[in-house]
Protein backbone atom coordinates (compact mmCIF):
# COMPACT_ATOMS: atom_id res chain seq x y z
CA UNK A 1 82.65 119.84 95.62
CA UNK A 2 83.34 117.77 99.00
CA UNK A 3 85.95 114.95 99.54
CA UNK A 4 86.87 112.59 102.42
CA UNK A 5 89.88 110.66 102.76
CA UNK A 6 89.95 107.83 104.76
CA UNK A 7 93.60 108.60 105.95
CA UNK A 8 94.53 111.62 106.76
CA UNK A 9 98.29 110.76 106.91
CA UNK A 10 98.66 109.07 103.48
CA UNK A 11 100.49 111.31 101.56
CA UNK A 12 98.35 111.45 98.95
CA UNK A 13 96.06 113.46 101.33
CA UNK A 14 97.63 116.80 101.65
CA UNK A 15 98.22 116.55 97.87
CA UNK A 16 94.64 116.38 97.50
CA UNK A 17 93.70 119.09 99.62
CA UNK A 18 96.00 121.53 98.26
CA UNK A 19 94.04 121.35 95.04
CA UNK A 20 90.17 121.02 96.29
CA UNK A 21 88.47 123.51 98.25
CA UNK A 22 85.88 121.51 100.91
CA UNK A 23 88.36 118.30 102.08
CA UNK A 24 87.65 116.69 105.48
CA UNK A 25 89.94 113.44 106.21
CA UNK A 26 89.84 110.97 109.25
CA UNK A 27 92.89 110.50 111.49
CA UNK A 28 93.08 107.09 113.25
CA UNK A 29 94.49 107.20 116.88
CA UNK A 30 96.32 104.20 116.63
CA UNK A 31 96.98 101.13 114.49
CA UNK A 32 94.36 99.09 116.09
CA UNK A 33 93.11 101.77 118.71
CA UNK A 34 89.53 102.28 117.21
CA UNK A 35 89.69 105.72 118.15
CA UNK A 36 89.37 108.28 115.35
CA UNK A 37 88.72 111.88 114.45
CA UNK A 38 87.23 113.36 111.66
CA UNK A 39 89.37 116.58 110.18
CA UNK A 40 88.70 119.39 107.87
CA UNK A 41 91.58 121.03 105.40
CA UNK A 42 91.46 124.72 105.90
CA UNK A 43 93.61 126.66 103.32
CA UNK A 44 96.43 128.34 105.36
CA UNK A 45 95.74 126.61 108.86
CA UNK A 46 96.41 123.68 109.83
CA UNK A 47 93.52 120.83 109.60
CA UNK A 48 90.99 121.47 112.04
CA UNK A 49 89.00 118.33 114.20
CA UNK A 50 85.37 118.58 113.46
CA UNK A 51 84.26 115.61 115.61
CA UNK A 52 85.66 112.60 117.58
CA UNK A 53 84.29 108.92 117.61
CA UNK A 54 84.94 105.27 117.78
CA UNK A 55 85.91 103.16 114.58
CA UNK A 56 83.68 100.14 115.89
CA UNK A 57 80.73 102.62 116.47
CA UNK A 58 81.05 104.19 113.27
CA UNK A 59 77.93 103.57 112.33
CA UNK A 60 75.93 104.95 115.35
CA UNK A 61 78.45 107.92 116.59
CA UNK A 62 80.08 109.39 112.68
CA UNK A 63 76.44 109.07 111.55
CA UNK A 64 74.53 110.85 113.84
CA UNK A 65 77.53 113.62 113.58
CA UNK A 66 77.16 113.69 109.65
CA UNK A 67 73.50 113.74 109.92
CA UNK A 68 72.92 116.17 112.18
CA UNK A 69 75.37 118.52 110.48
CA UNK A 70 73.51 118.06 106.96
CA UNK A 71 76.87 116.61 105.74
CA UNK A 72 77.10 115.41 101.91
CA UNK A 73 80.09 114.05 99.93
CA UNK A 74 80.51 114.02 96.60
CA UNK A 75 83.70 111.61 96.53
CA UNK A 76 84.83 109.53 99.32
CA UNK A 77 88.97 108.42 98.63
CA UNK A 78 89.74 105.29 100.51
CA UNK A 79 93.62 105.68 100.30
CA UNK A 80 94.10 103.17 104.01
CA UNK A 81 97.04 100.93 103.50
CA UNK A 82 99.20 98.78 106.01
CA UNK A 83 102.13 97.16 104.45
CA UNK A 84 104.02 94.71 106.24
CA UNK A 85 106.52 93.47 103.65
CA UNK A 86 106.76 90.32 105.32
CA UNK A 87 106.08 86.30 103.48
CA UNK A 88 104.25 84.15 104.67
CA UNK A 89 106.19 81.91 107.45
CA UNK A 90 107.69 85.53 108.54
CA UNK A 91 103.97 86.87 109.47
CA UNK A 92 102.36 86.44 112.83
CA UNK A 93 98.89 86.43 113.49
CA UNK A 94 99.42 89.79 115.61
CA UNK A 95 100.78 91.25 112.30
CA UNK A 96 98.03 89.39 110.01
CA UNK A 97 95.19 90.94 112.37
CA UNK A 98 96.83 94.35 112.58
CA UNK A 99 96.69 94.87 108.57
CA UNK A 100 93.72 93.71 108.48
CA UNK A 101 92.28 96.02 110.78
CA UNK A 102 93.94 98.79 108.82
CA UNK A 103 93.25 97.50 105.19
CA UNK A 104 89.64 95.75 105.34
CA UNK A 105 87.68 96.40 108.33
CA UNK A 106 88.74 100.34 108.93
CA UNK A 107 87.58 100.98 105.15
CA UNK A 108 84.53 98.49 105.49
CA UNK A 109 83.16 100.49 108.62
CA UNK A 110 83.96 103.45 107.13
CA UNK A 111 81.98 102.76 104.33
CA UNK A 112 78.93 101.61 105.83
CA UNK A 113 78.93 104.82 107.89
CA UNK A 114 79.42 107.24 104.86
CA UNK A 115 77.15 105.90 102.19
CA UNK A 116 74.54 107.29 103.16
CA UNK A 117 76.45 110.85 103.18
CA UNK A 118 77.13 110.66 99.59
CA UNK A 119 75.26 112.34 97.04
CA UNK A 120 74.06 110.61 94.31
CA UNK A 121 75.89 110.21 91.62
CA UNK A 122 79.07 110.54 93.45
CA UNK A 123 82.04 108.42 93.57
CA UNK A 124 84.29 105.76 95.65
CA UNK A 125 87.86 106.06 94.98
CA UNK A 126 89.85 103.23 96.67
CA UNK A 127 93.96 103.26 96.18
CA UNK A 128 95.11 99.33 95.72
CA UNK A 129 98.02 97.52 94.62
CA UNK A 130 98.97 95.35 91.79
CA UNK A 131 100.50 93.42 94.51
CA UNK A 132 97.12 92.06 94.61
CA UNK A 133 97.22 90.06 91.12
CA UNK A 134 101.11 89.80 91.13
CA UNK A 135 102.10 89.00 94.90
CA UNK A 136 104.75 91.18 93.87
CA UNK A 137 107.20 91.81 97.49
CA UNK A 138 105.54 88.40 99.04
CA UNK A 139 103.76 90.46 101.42
CA UNK A 140 101.02 87.88 102.00
CA UNK A 141 98.69 89.81 104.09
CA UNK A 142 99.11 92.63 102.16
CA UNK A 143 98.56 91.04 98.37
CA UNK A 144 95.12 89.01 100.24
CA UNK A 145 93.66 92.58 101.55
CA UNK A 146 94.46 94.33 98.70
CA UNK A 147 92.58 91.80 96.56
CA UNK A 148 89.79 91.46 98.68
CA UNK A 149 89.57 95.05 98.66
CA UNK A 150 89.22 95.12 94.62
CA UNK A 151 86.30 92.59 95.12
CA UNK A 152 84.80 94.22 97.49
CA UNK A 153 84.96 97.64 95.46
CA UNK A 154 83.38 95.70 92.35
CA UNK A 155 80.70 94.32 94.78
CA UNK A 156 79.96 98.02 96.11
CA UNK A 157 79.39 99.58 92.25
CA UNK A 158 76.41 97.04 91.30
CA UNK A 159 74.69 97.37 94.87
CA UNK A 160 74.91 101.54 94.41
CA UNK A 161 73.79 101.20 91.22
CA UNK A 162 70.53 102.98 91.82
CA UNK A 163 71.86 106.22 93.23
CA UNK A 164 74.29 105.99 90.37
CA UNK A 165 76.92 105.79 92.98
CA UNK A 166 80.21 104.44 91.11
CA UNK A 167 82.94 102.66 92.93
CA UNK A 168 86.61 102.26 90.90
CA UNK A 169 89.62 101.24 92.19
CA UNK A 170 93.09 102.69 91.39
CA UNK A 171 95.81 99.71 91.39
CA UNK A 172 99.60 101.20 92.08
CA UNK A 173 103.10 99.07 91.84
CA UNK A 174 104.86 99.64 95.09
CA UNK A 175 107.91 100.55 92.72
CA UNK A 176 106.26 103.57 91.21
CA UNK A 177 104.83 105.30 95.06
CA UNK A 178 108.07 106.07 96.19
CA UNK A 179 109.34 109.14 94.71
CA UNK A 180 107.37 112.55 95.89
CA UNK A 181 106.56 113.27 91.61
CA UNK A 182 105.15 109.47 91.42
CA UNK A 183 102.38 109.87 94.70
CA UNK A 184 102.24 113.80 93.13
CA UNK A 185 100.90 111.28 89.77
CA UNK A 186 98.40 109.46 91.70
CA UNK A 187 96.99 112.44 93.33
CA UNK A 188 96.73 114.21 89.72
CA UNK A 189 94.69 111.18 88.75
CA UNK A 190 92.33 111.54 91.98
CA UNK A 191 91.84 114.79 91.61
CA UNK A 192 91.15 114.51 87.87
CA UNK A 193 88.49 111.64 88.63
CA UNK A 194 86.99 113.95 91.21
CA UNK A 195 86.64 116.98 89.27
CA UNK A 196 86.01 115.72 85.73
CA UNK A 197 83.87 112.04 86.80
CA UNK A 198 83.28 109.72 84.17
CA UNK A 199 79.41 108.47 84.55
CA UNK A 200 80.08 105.43 83.26
CA UNK A 201 83.14 104.43 84.68
CA UNK A 202 82.00 101.79 87.40
CA UNK A 203 83.29 98.80 88.93
CA UNK A 204 86.75 99.45 87.29
CA UNK A 205 90.91 98.79 88.51
CA UNK A 206 92.76 101.78 87.00
CA UNK A 207 96.29 100.50 87.43
CA UNK A 208 99.79 102.31 87.31
CA UNK A 209 102.29 100.07 87.11
CA UNK A 210 104.43 101.07 83.45
CA UNK A 211 103.04 98.07 81.91
CA UNK A 212 104.12 95.17 84.69
CA UNK A 213 101.15 93.18 85.39
CA UNK A 214 100.42 92.94 81.27
CA UNK A 215 103.74 89.92 81.66
């Protein structure tokens, strides 16, 4: 099984790589720089750079490389995210655009580039936050952009039905995403969804928040 993660620096990436044999990840050179590299995790070694590309040109450069090397992925994990932690009155236009770039623009460009290389019957897994529905921490940019991501996933799940490619979201409360044990539980769910796929789980948001958004 080949797994692709959109953010090599996210804490779930290394944990996912520990439990899976063929894992690849994208690493951005900067928050708004536009440069990125595709890495392959290798057991007992440092990750290896396979190719570099421009984010805004991913539909050409990354797509061409994947085609030339006959790559296919079983699971694509969108774990890109940026939290500003600022309220509406405190959020500058630059901060809004920077988080928009990480939370939506880059995932959009990467999804466009890699979707043709996902095996029929494969899946997208997107990491989101309960801030999308609860507005927790009053971070307006993060909440708005994660809400948009969840809508994007639902639309994607319908568009890819003909290929039986599913798209689901794991929404995690920030309260439960700080300790190593909590992150490992999230990673464990990702691994479970990768290794034991449920063919009729599609277009859903799986919420991990200890029931807080029920109130």
